[in-house]
Amino acid sequence: MTSLCNLRTRMFFLLVLLFIPSKSIAQDATLSNVIVTNTRDDLLVYLKVEGAFREKMKQAILSGVPTTFSFLITLSKVRSIWKDKTIADLKVFHTIKYNNLKKEFVVTRSWENGNPYLTQSFEEAQKHMAEIDGLKVVSLNKLEKGRRYQLGAKAELNKLTLPFHLHYVLFFVSLWDFETDWYTVDFIY
């Protein structure tokens, strides 16, 4: 009787593990070092993604598969009675591609006017992909002094779209999907 109960318990946990999405098991990418600051004219954000480059993703990049991260940035004016008012809603992209012939990585960041960053160091390319440094969120003249605001940030790996026949060869691409939780910063301007 005890062994039957143990077998049922084991089967239950095995079934639970099979039906949990792999994304929730492998969810280890997070945002860190989120800083909201300003210049004389603009509100800026700095942030970093930790744990985004898994081994399967590195192998795919080194094989020449272009990879794109999306960063979602929102800025809202916090209101007590009414719904919060959205001031800015940005989506920026970082793309990495390895050039096998030149043995170099090309990183483009959509908010940097399309100027590519070239390096032969994979570590430098990863760093450039995973960081936002000084992204203009909004002009300060759109903010009211003494008001409360909330900046939200999230990063995700864009879904890779391959021709149908390559899904069988590159079945591992779904194993390196990531999406961070929303990170919020409250501040008074």
N, C-alpha and C. Protein backbone atom coordinates (compact mmCIF):
# COMPACT_ATOMS: atom_id res chain seq x y z
N MET A 1 0.82 -1.18 0.00
CA MET A 1 0.00 0.00 0.00
C MET A 1 0.88 1.26 0.00
N THR A 2 1.95 1.26 0.81
CA THR A 2 2.84 2.41 0.90
C THR A 2 3.58 2.62 -0.42
N SER A 3 4.02 1.53 -1.05
CA SER A 3 4.73 1.67 -2.32
C SER A 3 3.80 2.18 -3.42
N LEU A 4 2.53 1.80 -3.39
CA LEU A 4 1.56 2.30 -4.36
C LEU A 4 1.33 3.80 -4.17
N CYS A 5 1.26 4.22 -2.93
CA CYS A 5 1.09 5.65 -2.61
C CYS A 5 2.31 6.44 -3.07
N ASN A 6 3.52 5.90 -2.83
CA ASN A 6 4.75 6.55 -3.28
C ASN A 6 4.80 6.64 -4.80
N LEU A 7 4.38 5.59 -5.48
CA LEU A 7 4.36 5.58 -6.95
C LEU A 7 3.39 6.64 -7.47
N ARG A 8 2.21 6.74 -6.86
CA ARG A 8 1.24 7.76 -7.29
C ARG A 8 1.79 9.16 -7.07
N THR A 9 2.46 9.38 -5.94
CA THR A 9 3.05 10.68 -5.64
C THR A 9 4.12 11.03 -6.67
N ARG A 10 4.97 10.07 -6.99
CA ARG A 10 6.01 10.30 -7.99
C ARG A 10 5.41 10.60 -9.35
N MET A 11 4.40 9.86 -9.75
CA MET A 11 3.74 10.08 -11.03
C MET A 11 3.10 11.47 -11.08
N PHE A 12 2.48 11.87 -9.96
CA PHE A 12 1.86 13.19 -9.90
C PHE A 12 2.91 14.28 -10.14
N PHE A 13 4.05 14.22 -9.43
CA PHE A 13 5.08 15.23 -9.58
C PHE A 13 5.70 15.20 -10.97
N LEU A 14 5.84 14.03 -11.57
CA LEU A 14 6.35 13.92 -12.93
C LEU A 14 5.41 14.60 -13.91
N LEU A 15 4.10 14.37 -13.76
CA LEU A 15 3.12 15.01 -14.63
C LEU A 15 3.11 16.52 -14.45
N VAL A 16 3.24 16.99 -13.21
CA VAL A 16 3.29 18.42 -12.96
C VAL A 16 4.50 19.04 -13.65
N LEU A 17 5.65 18.39 -13.56
CA LEU A 17 6.85 18.90 -14.21
C LEU A 17 6.72 18.92 -15.73
N LEU A 18 6.04 17.94 -16.29
CA LEU A 18 5.86 17.90 -17.74
C LEU A 18 4.97 19.02 -18.24
N PHE A 19 4.02 19.46 -17.44
CA PHE A 19 3.08 20.47 -17.90
C PHE A 19 3.44 21.89 -17.47
N ILE A 20 4.51 22.07 -16.73
CA ILE A 20 4.99 23.41 -16.41
C ILE A 20 5.74 23.91 -17.63
N PRO A 21 5.43 25.09 -18.13
CA PRO A 21 6.14 25.62 -19.30
C PRO A 21 7.63 25.74 -19.02
N SER A 22 8.45 25.39 -20.02
CA SER A 22 9.90 25.45 -19.84
C SER A 22 10.36 26.87 -19.58
N LYS A 23 9.60 27.85 -20.05
CA LYS A 23 9.96 29.24 -19.83
C LYS A 23 9.97 29.56 -18.33
N SER A 24 9.00 29.02 -17.60
CA SER A 24 8.95 29.33 -16.17
C SER A 24 10.04 28.60 -15.40
N ILE A 25 10.50 27.48 -15.89
CA ILE A 25 11.59 26.77 -15.23
C ILE A 25 12.91 27.51 -15.45
N ALA A 26 13.13 28.02 -16.67
CA ALA A 26 14.40 28.62 -17.03
C ALA A 26 14.41 30.14 -16.87
N GLN A 27 13.45 30.69 -16.15
CA GLN A 27 13.33 32.14 -15.99
C GLN A 27 14.41 32.63 -15.05
N ASP A 28 15.55 33.06 -15.61
CA ASP A 28 16.59 33.56 -14.73
C ASP A 28 17.20 34.87 -15.23
N ALA A 29 16.67 35.45 -16.29
CA ALA A 29 17.14 36.76 -16.74
C ALA A 29 16.43 37.84 -15.92
N THR A 30 17.20 38.81 -15.45
CA THR A 30 16.64 39.88 -14.63
C THR A 30 17.25 41.22 -15.03
N LEU A 31 16.55 42.28 -14.71
CA LEU A 31 17.09 43.62 -14.89
C LEU A 31 17.82 44.03 -13.61
N SER A 32 18.93 44.72 -13.77
CA SER A 32 19.67 45.21 -12.61
C SER A 32 20.25 46.58 -12.93
N ASN A 33 20.76 47.24 -11.92
CA ASN A 33 21.39 48.55 -12.05
C ASN A 33 20.51 49.55 -12.79
N VAL A 34 19.20 49.53 -12.50
CA VAL A 34 18.29 50.47 -13.15
C VAL A 34 18.43 51.82 -12.46
N ILE A 35 18.80 52.82 -13.26
CA ILE A 35 19.02 54.17 -12.74
C ILE A 35 18.21 55.14 -13.60
N VAL A 36 17.44 55.98 -12.94
CA VAL A 36 16.70 57.05 -13.61
C VAL A 36 17.36 58.35 -13.18
N THR A 37 17.80 59.13 -14.15
CA THR A 37 18.48 60.39 -13.86
C THR A 37 18.10 61.41 -14.93
N ASN A 38 18.67 62.59 -14.83
CA ASN A 38 18.35 63.57 -15.85
C ASN A 38 19.55 64.44 -16.19
N THR A 39 19.48 65.00 -17.39
CA THR A 39 20.40 66.05 -17.80
C THR A 39 19.66 67.36 -17.58
N ARG A 40 20.15 68.42 -18.10
CA ARG A 40 19.47 69.70 -17.99
C ARG A 40 18.13 69.67 -18.71
N ASP A 41 18.04 68.87 -19.81
CA ASP A 41 16.85 68.88 -20.66
C ASP A 41 16.04 67.59 -20.69
N ASP A 42 16.66 66.44 -20.38
CA ASP A 42 16.01 65.15 -20.61
C ASP A 42 16.06 64.22 -19.41
N LEU A 43 15.07 63.32 -19.34
CA LEU A 43 15.06 62.23 -18.38
C LEU A 43 15.72 61.03 -19.05
N LEU A 44 16.70 60.42 -18.38
CA LEU A 44 17.47 59.31 -18.94
C LEU A 44 17.31 58.06 -18.09
N VAL A 45 17.51 56.91 -18.73
CA VAL A 45 17.50 55.64 -18.00
C VAL A 45 18.76 54.85 -18.36
N TYR A 46 19.27 54.15 -17.35
CA TYR A 46 20.41 53.23 -17.49
C TYR A 46 19.93 51.91 -16.90
N LEU A 47 20.28 50.79 -17.56
CA LEU A 47 19.93 49.48 -17.01
C LEU A 47 20.79 48.40 -17.63
N LYS A 48 20.71 47.22 -17.03
CA LYS A 48 21.50 46.08 -17.48
C LYS A 48 20.65 44.82 -17.34
N VAL A 49 20.78 43.90 -18.30
CA VAL A 49 20.12 42.59 -18.22
C VAL A 49 21.15 41.57 -17.75
N GLU A 50 20.82 40.85 -16.70
CA GLU A 50 21.69 39.80 -16.17
C GLU A 50 21.10 38.43 -16.54
N GLY A 51 21.95 37.48 -16.89
CA GLY A 51 21.52 36.11 -17.13
C GLY A 51 20.81 35.87 -18.45
N ALA A 52 21.00 36.75 -19.42
CA ALA A 52 20.29 36.60 -20.69
C ALA A 52 21.00 35.64 -21.64
N PHE A 53 22.31 35.57 -21.57
CA PHE A 53 23.06 34.76 -22.54
C PHE A 53 23.28 33.35 -22.00
N ARG A 54 22.38 32.46 -22.39
CA ARG A 54 22.51 31.05 -22.02
C ARG A 54 23.38 30.34 -23.06
N GLU A 55 23.80 29.15 -22.74
CA GLU A 55 24.73 28.43 -23.60
C GLU A 55 24.17 28.17 -24.99
N LYS A 56 22.90 27.78 -25.08
CA LYS A 56 22.29 27.52 -26.40
C LYS A 56 22.24 28.78 -27.24
N MET A 57 21.97 29.92 -26.58
CA MET A 57 21.93 31.18 -27.30
C MET A 57 23.32 31.54 -27.82
N LYS A 58 24.34 31.35 -27.01
CA LYS A 58 25.71 31.64 -27.43
C LYS A 58 26.08 30.80 -28.65
N GLN A 59 25.73 29.51 -28.61
CA GLN A 59 26.02 28.63 -29.75
C GLN A 59 25.32 29.10 -31.01
N ALA A 60 24.08 29.51 -30.88
CA ALA A 60 23.32 29.98 -32.05
C ALA A 60 23.95 31.25 -32.61
N ILE A 61 24.33 32.19 -31.74
CA ILE A 61 24.94 33.44 -32.19
C ILE A 61 26.25 33.15 -32.91
N LEU A 62 27.08 32.28 -32.34
CA LEU A 62 28.36 31.93 -32.96
C LEU A 62 28.17 31.18 -34.28
N SER A 63 26.98 30.63 -34.49
CA SER A 63 26.67 29.97 -35.76
C SER A 63 26.14 30.97 -36.79
N GLY A 64 25.99 32.23 -36.39
CA GLY A 64 25.55 33.26 -37.32
C GLY A 64 24.09 33.62 -37.24
N VAL A 65 23.37 33.08 -36.25
CA VAL A 65 21.95 33.40 -36.11
C VAL A 65 21.84 34.78 -35.45
N PRO A 66 21.22 35.77 -36.13
CA PRO A 66 21.05 37.08 -35.50
C PRO A 66 20.07 37.00 -34.34
N THR A 67 20.36 37.72 -33.28
CA THR A 67 19.55 37.68 -32.06
C THR A 67 19.20 39.11 -31.66
N THR A 68 17.93 39.32 -31.31
CA THR A 68 17.47 40.66 -30.96
C THR A 68 16.82 40.67 -29.59
N PHE A 69 17.23 41.63 -28.75
CA PHE A 69 16.59 41.90 -27.47
C PHE A 69 15.69 43.11 -27.66
N SER A 70 14.53 43.08 -27.05
CA SER A 70 13.63 44.23 -27.00
C SER A 70 13.62 44.76 -25.58
N PHE A 71 13.67 46.07 -25.46
CA PHE A 71 13.56 46.73 -24.16
C PHE A 71 12.31 47.59 -24.19
N LEU A 72 11.43 47.38 -23.24
CA LEU A 72 10.21 48.16 -23.13
C LEU A 72 10.36 49.11 -21.95
N ILE A 73 10.18 50.39 -22.20
CA ILE A 73 10.31 51.41 -21.17
C ILE A 73 9.02 52.23 -21.16
N THR A 74 8.41 52.36 -19.98
CA THR A 74 7.21 53.20 -19.86
C THR A 74 7.44 54.21 -18.75
N LEU A 75 6.84 55.38 -18.93
CA LEU A 75 6.87 56.41 -17.91
C LEU A 75 5.45 56.89 -17.71
N SER A 76 4.99 56.86 -16.46
CA SER A 76 3.62 57.27 -16.14
C SER A 76 3.62 58.28 -15.02
N LYS A 77 2.66 59.21 -15.11
CA LYS A 77 2.41 60.14 -14.01
C LYS A 77 1.44 59.43 -13.07
N VAL A 78 1.82 59.27 -11.82
CA VAL A 78 1.00 58.55 -10.85
C VAL A 78 -0.08 59.51 -10.34
N ARG A 79 -1.33 59.07 -10.43
CA ARG A 79 -2.45 59.88 -9.96
C ARG A 79 -3.24 59.06 -8.95
N SER A 80 -3.74 59.71 -7.92
CA SER A 80 -4.42 58.98 -6.84
C SER A 80 -5.87 58.64 -7.18
N ILE A 81 -6.58 59.53 -7.82
CA ILE A 81 -8.00 59.27 -8.09
C ILE A 81 -8.20 58.65 -9.47
N TRP A 82 -7.53 59.20 -10.46
CA TRP A 82 -7.67 58.74 -11.83
C TRP A 82 -6.64 57.66 -12.16
N LYS A 83 -6.85 57.05 -13.29
CA LYS A 83 -5.87 56.09 -13.80
C LYS A 83 -4.56 56.83 -14.11
N ASP A 84 -3.42 56.17 -13.85
CA ASP A 84 -2.13 56.80 -14.14
C ASP A 84 -2.06 57.21 -15.61
N LYS A 85 -1.41 58.34 -15.87
CA LYS A 85 -1.31 58.86 -17.23
C LYS A 85 0.03 58.46 -17.83
N THR A 86 0.00 57.81 -19.00
CA THR A 86 1.23 57.42 -19.68
C THR A 86 1.85 58.64 -20.34
N ILE A 87 3.11 58.90 -19.99
CA ILE A 87 3.86 60.03 -20.55
C ILE A 87 4.73 59.55 -21.71
N ALA A 88 5.34 58.37 -21.56
CA ALA A 88 6.21 57.82 -22.61
C ALA A 88 6.06 56.31 -22.63
N ASP A 89 6.12 55.75 -23.82
CA ASP A 89 6.02 54.31 -24.03
C ASP A 89 7.00 53.95 -25.14
N LEU A 90 8.20 53.49 -24.75
CA LEU A 90 9.27 53.25 -25.71
C LEU A 90 9.53 51.76 -25.89
N LYS A 91 9.94 51.40 -27.09
CA LYS A 91 10.41 50.04 -27.35
C LYS A 91 11.67 50.18 -28.21
N VAL A 92 12.80 49.74 -27.66
CA VAL A 92 14.06 49.82 -28.39
C VAL A 92 14.62 48.41 -28.56
N PHE A 93 15.45 48.24 -29.58
CA PHE A 93 15.97 46.92 -29.95
C PHE A 93 17.49 46.93 -29.98
N HIS A 94 18.08 45.84 -29.51
CA HIS A 94 19.51 45.58 -29.66
C HIS A 94 19.64 44.28 -30.44
N THR A 95 20.44 44.29 -31.50
CA THR A 95 20.62 43.09 -32.33
C THR A 95 22.09 42.76 -32.43
N ILE A 96 22.40 41.47 -32.28
CA ILE A 96 23.77 40.99 -32.42
C ILE A 96 23.82 40.00 -33.58
N LYS A 97 24.87 40.12 -34.38
CA LYS A 97 25.10 39.18 -35.49
C LYS A 97 26.59 38.93 -35.58
N TYR A 98 26.96 37.68 -35.71
CA TYR A 98 28.37 37.31 -35.83
C TYR A 98 28.70 37.12 -37.30
N ASN A 99 29.77 37.78 -37.75
CA ASN A 99 30.26 37.65 -39.12
C ASN A 99 31.40 36.65 -39.11
N ASN A 100 31.14 35.44 -39.61
CA ASN A 100 32.14 34.37 -39.60
C ASN A 100 33.36 34.70 -40.45
N LEU A 101 33.17 35.42 -41.55
CA LEU A 101 34.29 35.72 -42.43
C LEU A 101 35.26 36.71 -41.78
N LYS A 102 34.73 37.75 -41.18
CA LYS A 102 35.57 38.78 -40.55
C LYS A 102 35.90 38.45 -39.10
N LYS A 103 35.26 37.43 -38.55
CA LYS A 103 35.45 37.04 -37.15
C LYS A 103 35.17 38.21 -36.21
N GLU A 104 34.02 38.88 -36.46
CA GLU A 104 33.65 40.00 -35.61
C GLU A 104 32.15 40.00 -35.35
N PHE A 105 31.79 40.62 -34.24
CA PHE A 105 30.40 40.76 -33.84
C PHE A 105 29.94 42.17 -34.19
N VAL A 106 28.72 42.26 -34.71
CA VAL A 106 28.12 43.55 -35.03
C VAL A 106 26.90 43.70 -34.13
N VAL A 107 26.92 44.75 -33.30
CA VAL A 107 25.79 45.03 -32.42
C VAL A 107 25.19 46.36 -32.85
N THR A 108 23.89 46.34 -33.14
CA THR A 108 23.19 47.59 -33.46
C THR A 108 22.14 47.83 -32.39
N ARG A 109 22.00 49.10 -32.01
CA ARG A 109 21.01 49.50 -31.02
C ARG A 109 20.14 50.57 -31.68
N SER A 110 18.85 50.30 -31.74
CA SER A 110 17.93 51.14 -32.51
C SER A 110 17.94 52.59 -32.07
N TRP A 111 18.22 52.87 -30.85
CA TRP A 111 18.18 54.23 -30.34
C TRP A 111 19.49 54.98 -30.55
N GLU A 112 20.45 54.36 -31.16
CA GLU A 112 21.74 55.01 -31.44
C GLU A 112 21.90 55.32 -32.92
N ASN A 113 20.82 55.68 -33.58
CA ASN A 113 20.84 56.11 -34.99
C ASN A 113 21.45 55.08 -35.94
N GLY A 114 21.38 53.81 -35.60
CA GLY A 114 21.84 52.76 -36.50
C GLY A 114 23.34 52.62 -36.61
N ASN A 115 24.11 53.32 -35.77
CA ASN A 115 25.57 53.17 -35.80
C ASN A 115 25.96 51.84 -35.18
N PRO A 116 26.50 50.91 -35.96
CA PRO A 116 26.85 49.60 -35.40
C PRO A 116 28.11 49.66 -34.53
N TYR A 117 28.13 48.79 -33.55
CA TYR A 117 29.29 48.61 -32.68
C TYR A 117 29.97 47.33 -33.14
N LEU A 118 31.24 47.41 -33.53
CA LEU A 118 31.99 46.25 -34.03
C LEU A 118 33.04 45.84 -33.00
N THR A 119 33.13 44.54 -32.76
CA THR A 119 34.16 44.03 -31.85
C THR A 119 34.45 42.57 -32.20
N GLN A 120 35.66 42.13 -31.89
CA GLN A 120 36.00 40.73 -32.06
C GLN A 120 35.83 39.95 -30.75
N SER A 121 35.50 40.65 -29.69
CA SER A 121 35.32 40.04 -28.38
C SER A 121 33.84 39.74 -28.14
N PHE A 122 33.53 38.48 -27.91
CA PHE A 122 32.15 38.09 -27.63
C PHE A 122 31.68 38.69 -26.31
N GLU A 123 32.57 38.78 -25.32
CA GLU A 123 32.22 39.36 -24.04
C GLU A 123 31.82 40.84 -24.18
N GLU A 124 32.59 41.59 -24.99
CA GLU A 124 32.26 43.00 -25.23
C GLU A 124 30.93 43.13 -25.97
N ALA A 125 30.69 42.26 -26.94
CA ALA A 125 29.43 42.30 -27.69
C ALA A 125 28.25 41.99 -26.76
N GLN A 126 28.41 41.00 -25.88
CA GLN A 126 27.35 40.67 -24.93
C GLN A 126 27.06 41.85 -24.00
N LYS A 127 28.11 42.49 -23.53
CA LYS A 127 27.95 43.64 -22.64
C LYS A 127 27.18 44.75 -23.35
N HIS A 128 27.55 45.03 -24.59
CA HIS A 128 26.89 46.08 -25.36
C HIS A 128 25.42 45.72 -25.64
N MET A 129 25.13 44.45 -25.81
CA MET A 129 23.75 43.99 -26.05
C MET A 129 22.90 44.13 -24.80
N ALA A 130 23.48 43.86 -23.65
CA ALA A 130 22.70 43.74 -22.41
C ALA A 130 22.57 45.05 -21.63
N GLU A 131 23.12 46.14 -22.14
CA GLU A 131 23.07 47.40 -21.39
C GLU A 131 22.38 48.51 -22.18
N ILE A 132 21.66 49.32 -21.45
CA ILE A 132 21.17 50.59 -21.99
C ILE A 132 21.84 51.66 -21.15
N ASP A 133 22.53 52.57 -21.82
CA ASP A 133 23.26 53.60 -21.08
C ASP A 133 22.90 54.98 -21.63
N GLY A 134 22.05 55.65 -20.88
CA GLY A 134 21.69 57.01 -21.23
C GLY A 134 20.61 57.14 -22.29
N LEU A 135 19.63 56.27 -22.27
CA LEU A 135 18.50 56.36 -23.21
C LEU A 135 17.58 57.50 -22.80
N LYS A 136 17.31 58.40 -23.73
CA LYS A 136 16.39 59.51 -23.46
C LYS A 136 14.97 58.97 -23.42
N VAL A 137 14.30 59.16 -22.29
CA VAL A 137 12.92 58.70 -22.12
C VAL A 137 11.95 59.80 -22.53
N VAL A 138 12.18 61.02 -22.04
CA VAL A 138 11.28 62.13 -22.32
C VAL A 138 12.00 63.44 -22.01
N SER A 139 11.56 64.52 -22.66
CA SER A 139 12.07 65.85 -22.33
C SER A 139 11.49 66.27 -20.98
N LEU A 140 12.30 66.95 -20.19
CA LEU A 140 11.86 67.37 -18.85
C LEU A 140 10.71 68.36 -18.90
N ASN A 141 10.56 69.07 -20.02
CA ASN A 141 9.46 70.04 -20.10
C ASN A 141 8.09 69.36 -20.18
N LYS A 142 8.06 68.02 -20.31
CA LYS A 142 6.80 67.27 -20.29
C LYS A 142 6.43 66.79 -18.89
N LEU A 143 7.32 67.06 -17.91
CA LEU A 143 7.08 66.65 -16.53
C LEU A 143 6.73 67.87 -15.69
N GLU A 144 5.95 67.64 -14.63
CA GLU A 144 5.57 68.71 -13.71
C GLU A 144 6.38 68.57 -12.42
N LYS A 145 6.94 69.69 -11.98
CA LYS A 145 7.72 69.69 -10.73
C LYS A 145 6.84 69.27 -9.56
N GLY A 146 7.41 68.45 -8.65
CA GLY A 146 6.70 68.02 -7.45
C GLY A 146 5.72 66.88 -7.67
N ARG A 147 5.58 66.37 -8.88
CA ARG A 147 4.65 65.27 -9.16
C ARG A 147 5.36 63.93 -9.07
N ARG A 148 4.58 62.91 -8.77
CA ARG A 148 5.10 61.55 -8.63
C ARG A 148 4.99 60.83 -9.96
N TYR A 149 6.08 60.12 -10.34
CA TYR A 149 6.15 59.38 -11.60
C TYR A 149 6.63 57.96 -11.33
N GLN A 150 6.33 57.08 -12.29
CA GLN A 150 6.80 55.70 -12.20
C GLN A 150 7.36 55.29 -13.56
N LEU A 151 8.61 54.83 -13.54
CA LEU A 151 9.25 54.30 -14.74
C LEU A 151 9.23 52.78 -14.65
N GLY A 152 8.78 52.12 -15.70
CA GLY A 152 8.79 50.66 -15.77
C GLY A 152 9.71 50.21 -16.88
N ALA A 153 10.42 49.11 -16.67
CA ALA A 153 11.34 48.59 -17.68
C ALA A 153 11.24 47.06 -17.72
N LYS A 154 11.38 46.53 -18.92
CA LYS A 154 11.31 45.08 -19.13
C LYS A 154 12.16 44.75 -20.34
N ALA A 155 12.78 43.58 -20.34
CA ALA A 155 13.57 43.12 -21.48
C ALA A 155 13.08 41.74 -21.90
N GLU A 156 13.16 41.47 -23.20
CA GLU A 156 12.77 40.15 -23.69
C GLU A 156 13.54 39.82 -24.96
N LEU A 157 13.69 38.56 -25.20
CA LEU A 157 14.32 38.08 -26.43
C LEU A 157 13.23 37.99 -27.48
N ASN A 158 13.47 38.63 -28.62
CA ASN A 158 12.49 38.53 -29.70
C ASN A 158 12.42 37.10 -30.19
N LYS A 159 11.21 36.66 -30.47
CA LYS A 159 11.02 35.30 -30.97
C LYS A 159 11.71 35.16 -32.32
N LEU A 160 12.44 34.10 -32.49
CA LEU A 160 13.16 33.84 -33.72
C LEU A 160 12.23 33.17 -34.72
N THR A 161 12.12 33.74 -35.89
CA THR A 161 11.28 33.16 -36.93
C THR A 161 12.19 32.52 -37.97
N LEU A 162 12.04 31.22 -38.11
CA LEU A 162 12.85 30.47 -39.06
C LEU A 162 11.97 29.86 -40.13
N PRO A 163 12.54 29.59 -41.30
CA PRO A 163 11.77 28.82 -42.28
C PRO A 163 11.36 27.48 -41.67
N PHE A 164 10.21 26.98 -42.07
CA PHE A 164 9.62 25.80 -41.42
C PHE A 164 10.58 24.62 -41.35
N HIS A 165 11.31 24.33 -42.41
CA HIS A 165 12.18 23.15 -42.40
C HIS A 165 13.34 23.28 -41.41
N LEU A 166 13.72 24.51 -41.04
CA LEU A 166 14.81 24.68 -40.08
C LEU A 166 14.36 24.47 -38.63
N HIS A 167 13.05 24.49 -38.36
CA HIS A 167 12.58 24.24 -36.99
C HIS A 167 12.97 22.85 -36.53
N TYR A 168 13.07 21.90 -37.45
CA TYR A 168 13.47 20.54 -37.07
C TYR A 168 14.96 20.48 -36.75
N VAL A 169 15.76 21.23 -37.48
CA VAL A 169 17.19 21.23 -37.26
C VAL A 169 17.55 22.05 -36.02
N LEU A 170 16.91 23.22 -35.88
CA LEU A 170 17.22 24.12 -34.78
C LEU A 170 16.12 24.08 -33.71
N PHE A 171 15.77 22.88 -33.26
CA PHE A 171 14.70 22.73 -32.29
C PHE A 171 15.01 23.39 -30.96
N PHE A 172 16.28 23.69 -30.69
CA PHE A 172 16.69 24.23 -29.41
C PHE A 172 16.37 25.71 -29.26
N VAL A 173 15.97 26.41 -30.32
CA VAL A 173 15.80 27.86 -30.21
C VAL A 173 14.77 28.25 -29.17
N SER A 174 13.75 27.44 -28.96
CA SER A 174 12.75 27.79 -27.94
C SER A 174 13.31 27.64 -26.53
N LEU A 175 14.41 26.94 -26.38
CA LEU A 175 14.98 26.73 -25.06
C LEU A 175 15.72 27.96 -24.54
N TRP A 176 16.00 28.94 -25.41
CA TRP A 176 16.70 30.10 -24.90
C TRP A 176 15.85 31.36 -24.92
N ASP A 177 14.53 31.23 -24.96
CA ASP A 177 13.64 32.38 -24.82
C ASP A 177 13.79 32.95 -23.41
N PHE A 178 13.69 34.26 -23.29
CA PHE A 178 13.64 34.85 -21.95
C PHE A 178 12.77 36.09 -21.98
N GLU A 179 12.29 36.43 -20.85
CA GLU A 179 11.52 37.64 -20.63
C GLU A 179 11.67 37.99 -19.16
N THR A 180 12.12 39.20 -18.88
CA THR A 180 12.28 39.60 -17.48
C THR A 180 10.94 40.06 -16.93
N ASP A 181 10.87 40.13 -15.62
CA ASP A 181 9.71 40.76 -14.98
C ASP A 181 9.84 42.27 -15.16
N TRP A 182 8.73 42.97 -14.98
CA TRP A 182 8.77 44.43 -15.00
C TRP A 182 9.52 44.92 -13.78
N TYR A 183 10.39 45.87 -13.98
CA TYR A 183 11.13 46.53 -12.92
C TYR A 183 10.61 47.97 -12.86
N THR A 184 10.20 48.42 -11.69
CA THR A 184 9.64 49.77 -11.60
C THR A 184 10.45 50.64 -10.64
N VAL A 185 10.51 51.91 -10.97
CA VAL A 185 11.18 52.90 -10.14
C VAL A 185 10.21 54.05 -9.95
N ASP A 186 9.88 54.36 -8.69
CA ASP A 186 9.03 55.50 -8.36
C ASP A 186 9.92 56.67 -8.00
N PHE A 187 9.55 57.87 -8.49
CA PHE A 187 10.33 59.06 -8.15
C PHE A 187 9.44 60.30 -8.23
N ILE A 188 9.90 61.35 -7.58
CA ILE A 188 9.22 62.64 -7.64
C ILE A 188 10.15 63.59 -8.39
N TYR A 189 9.61 64.24 -9.40
CA TYR A 189 10.42 65.17 -10.19
C TYR A 189 10.45 66.53 -9.52
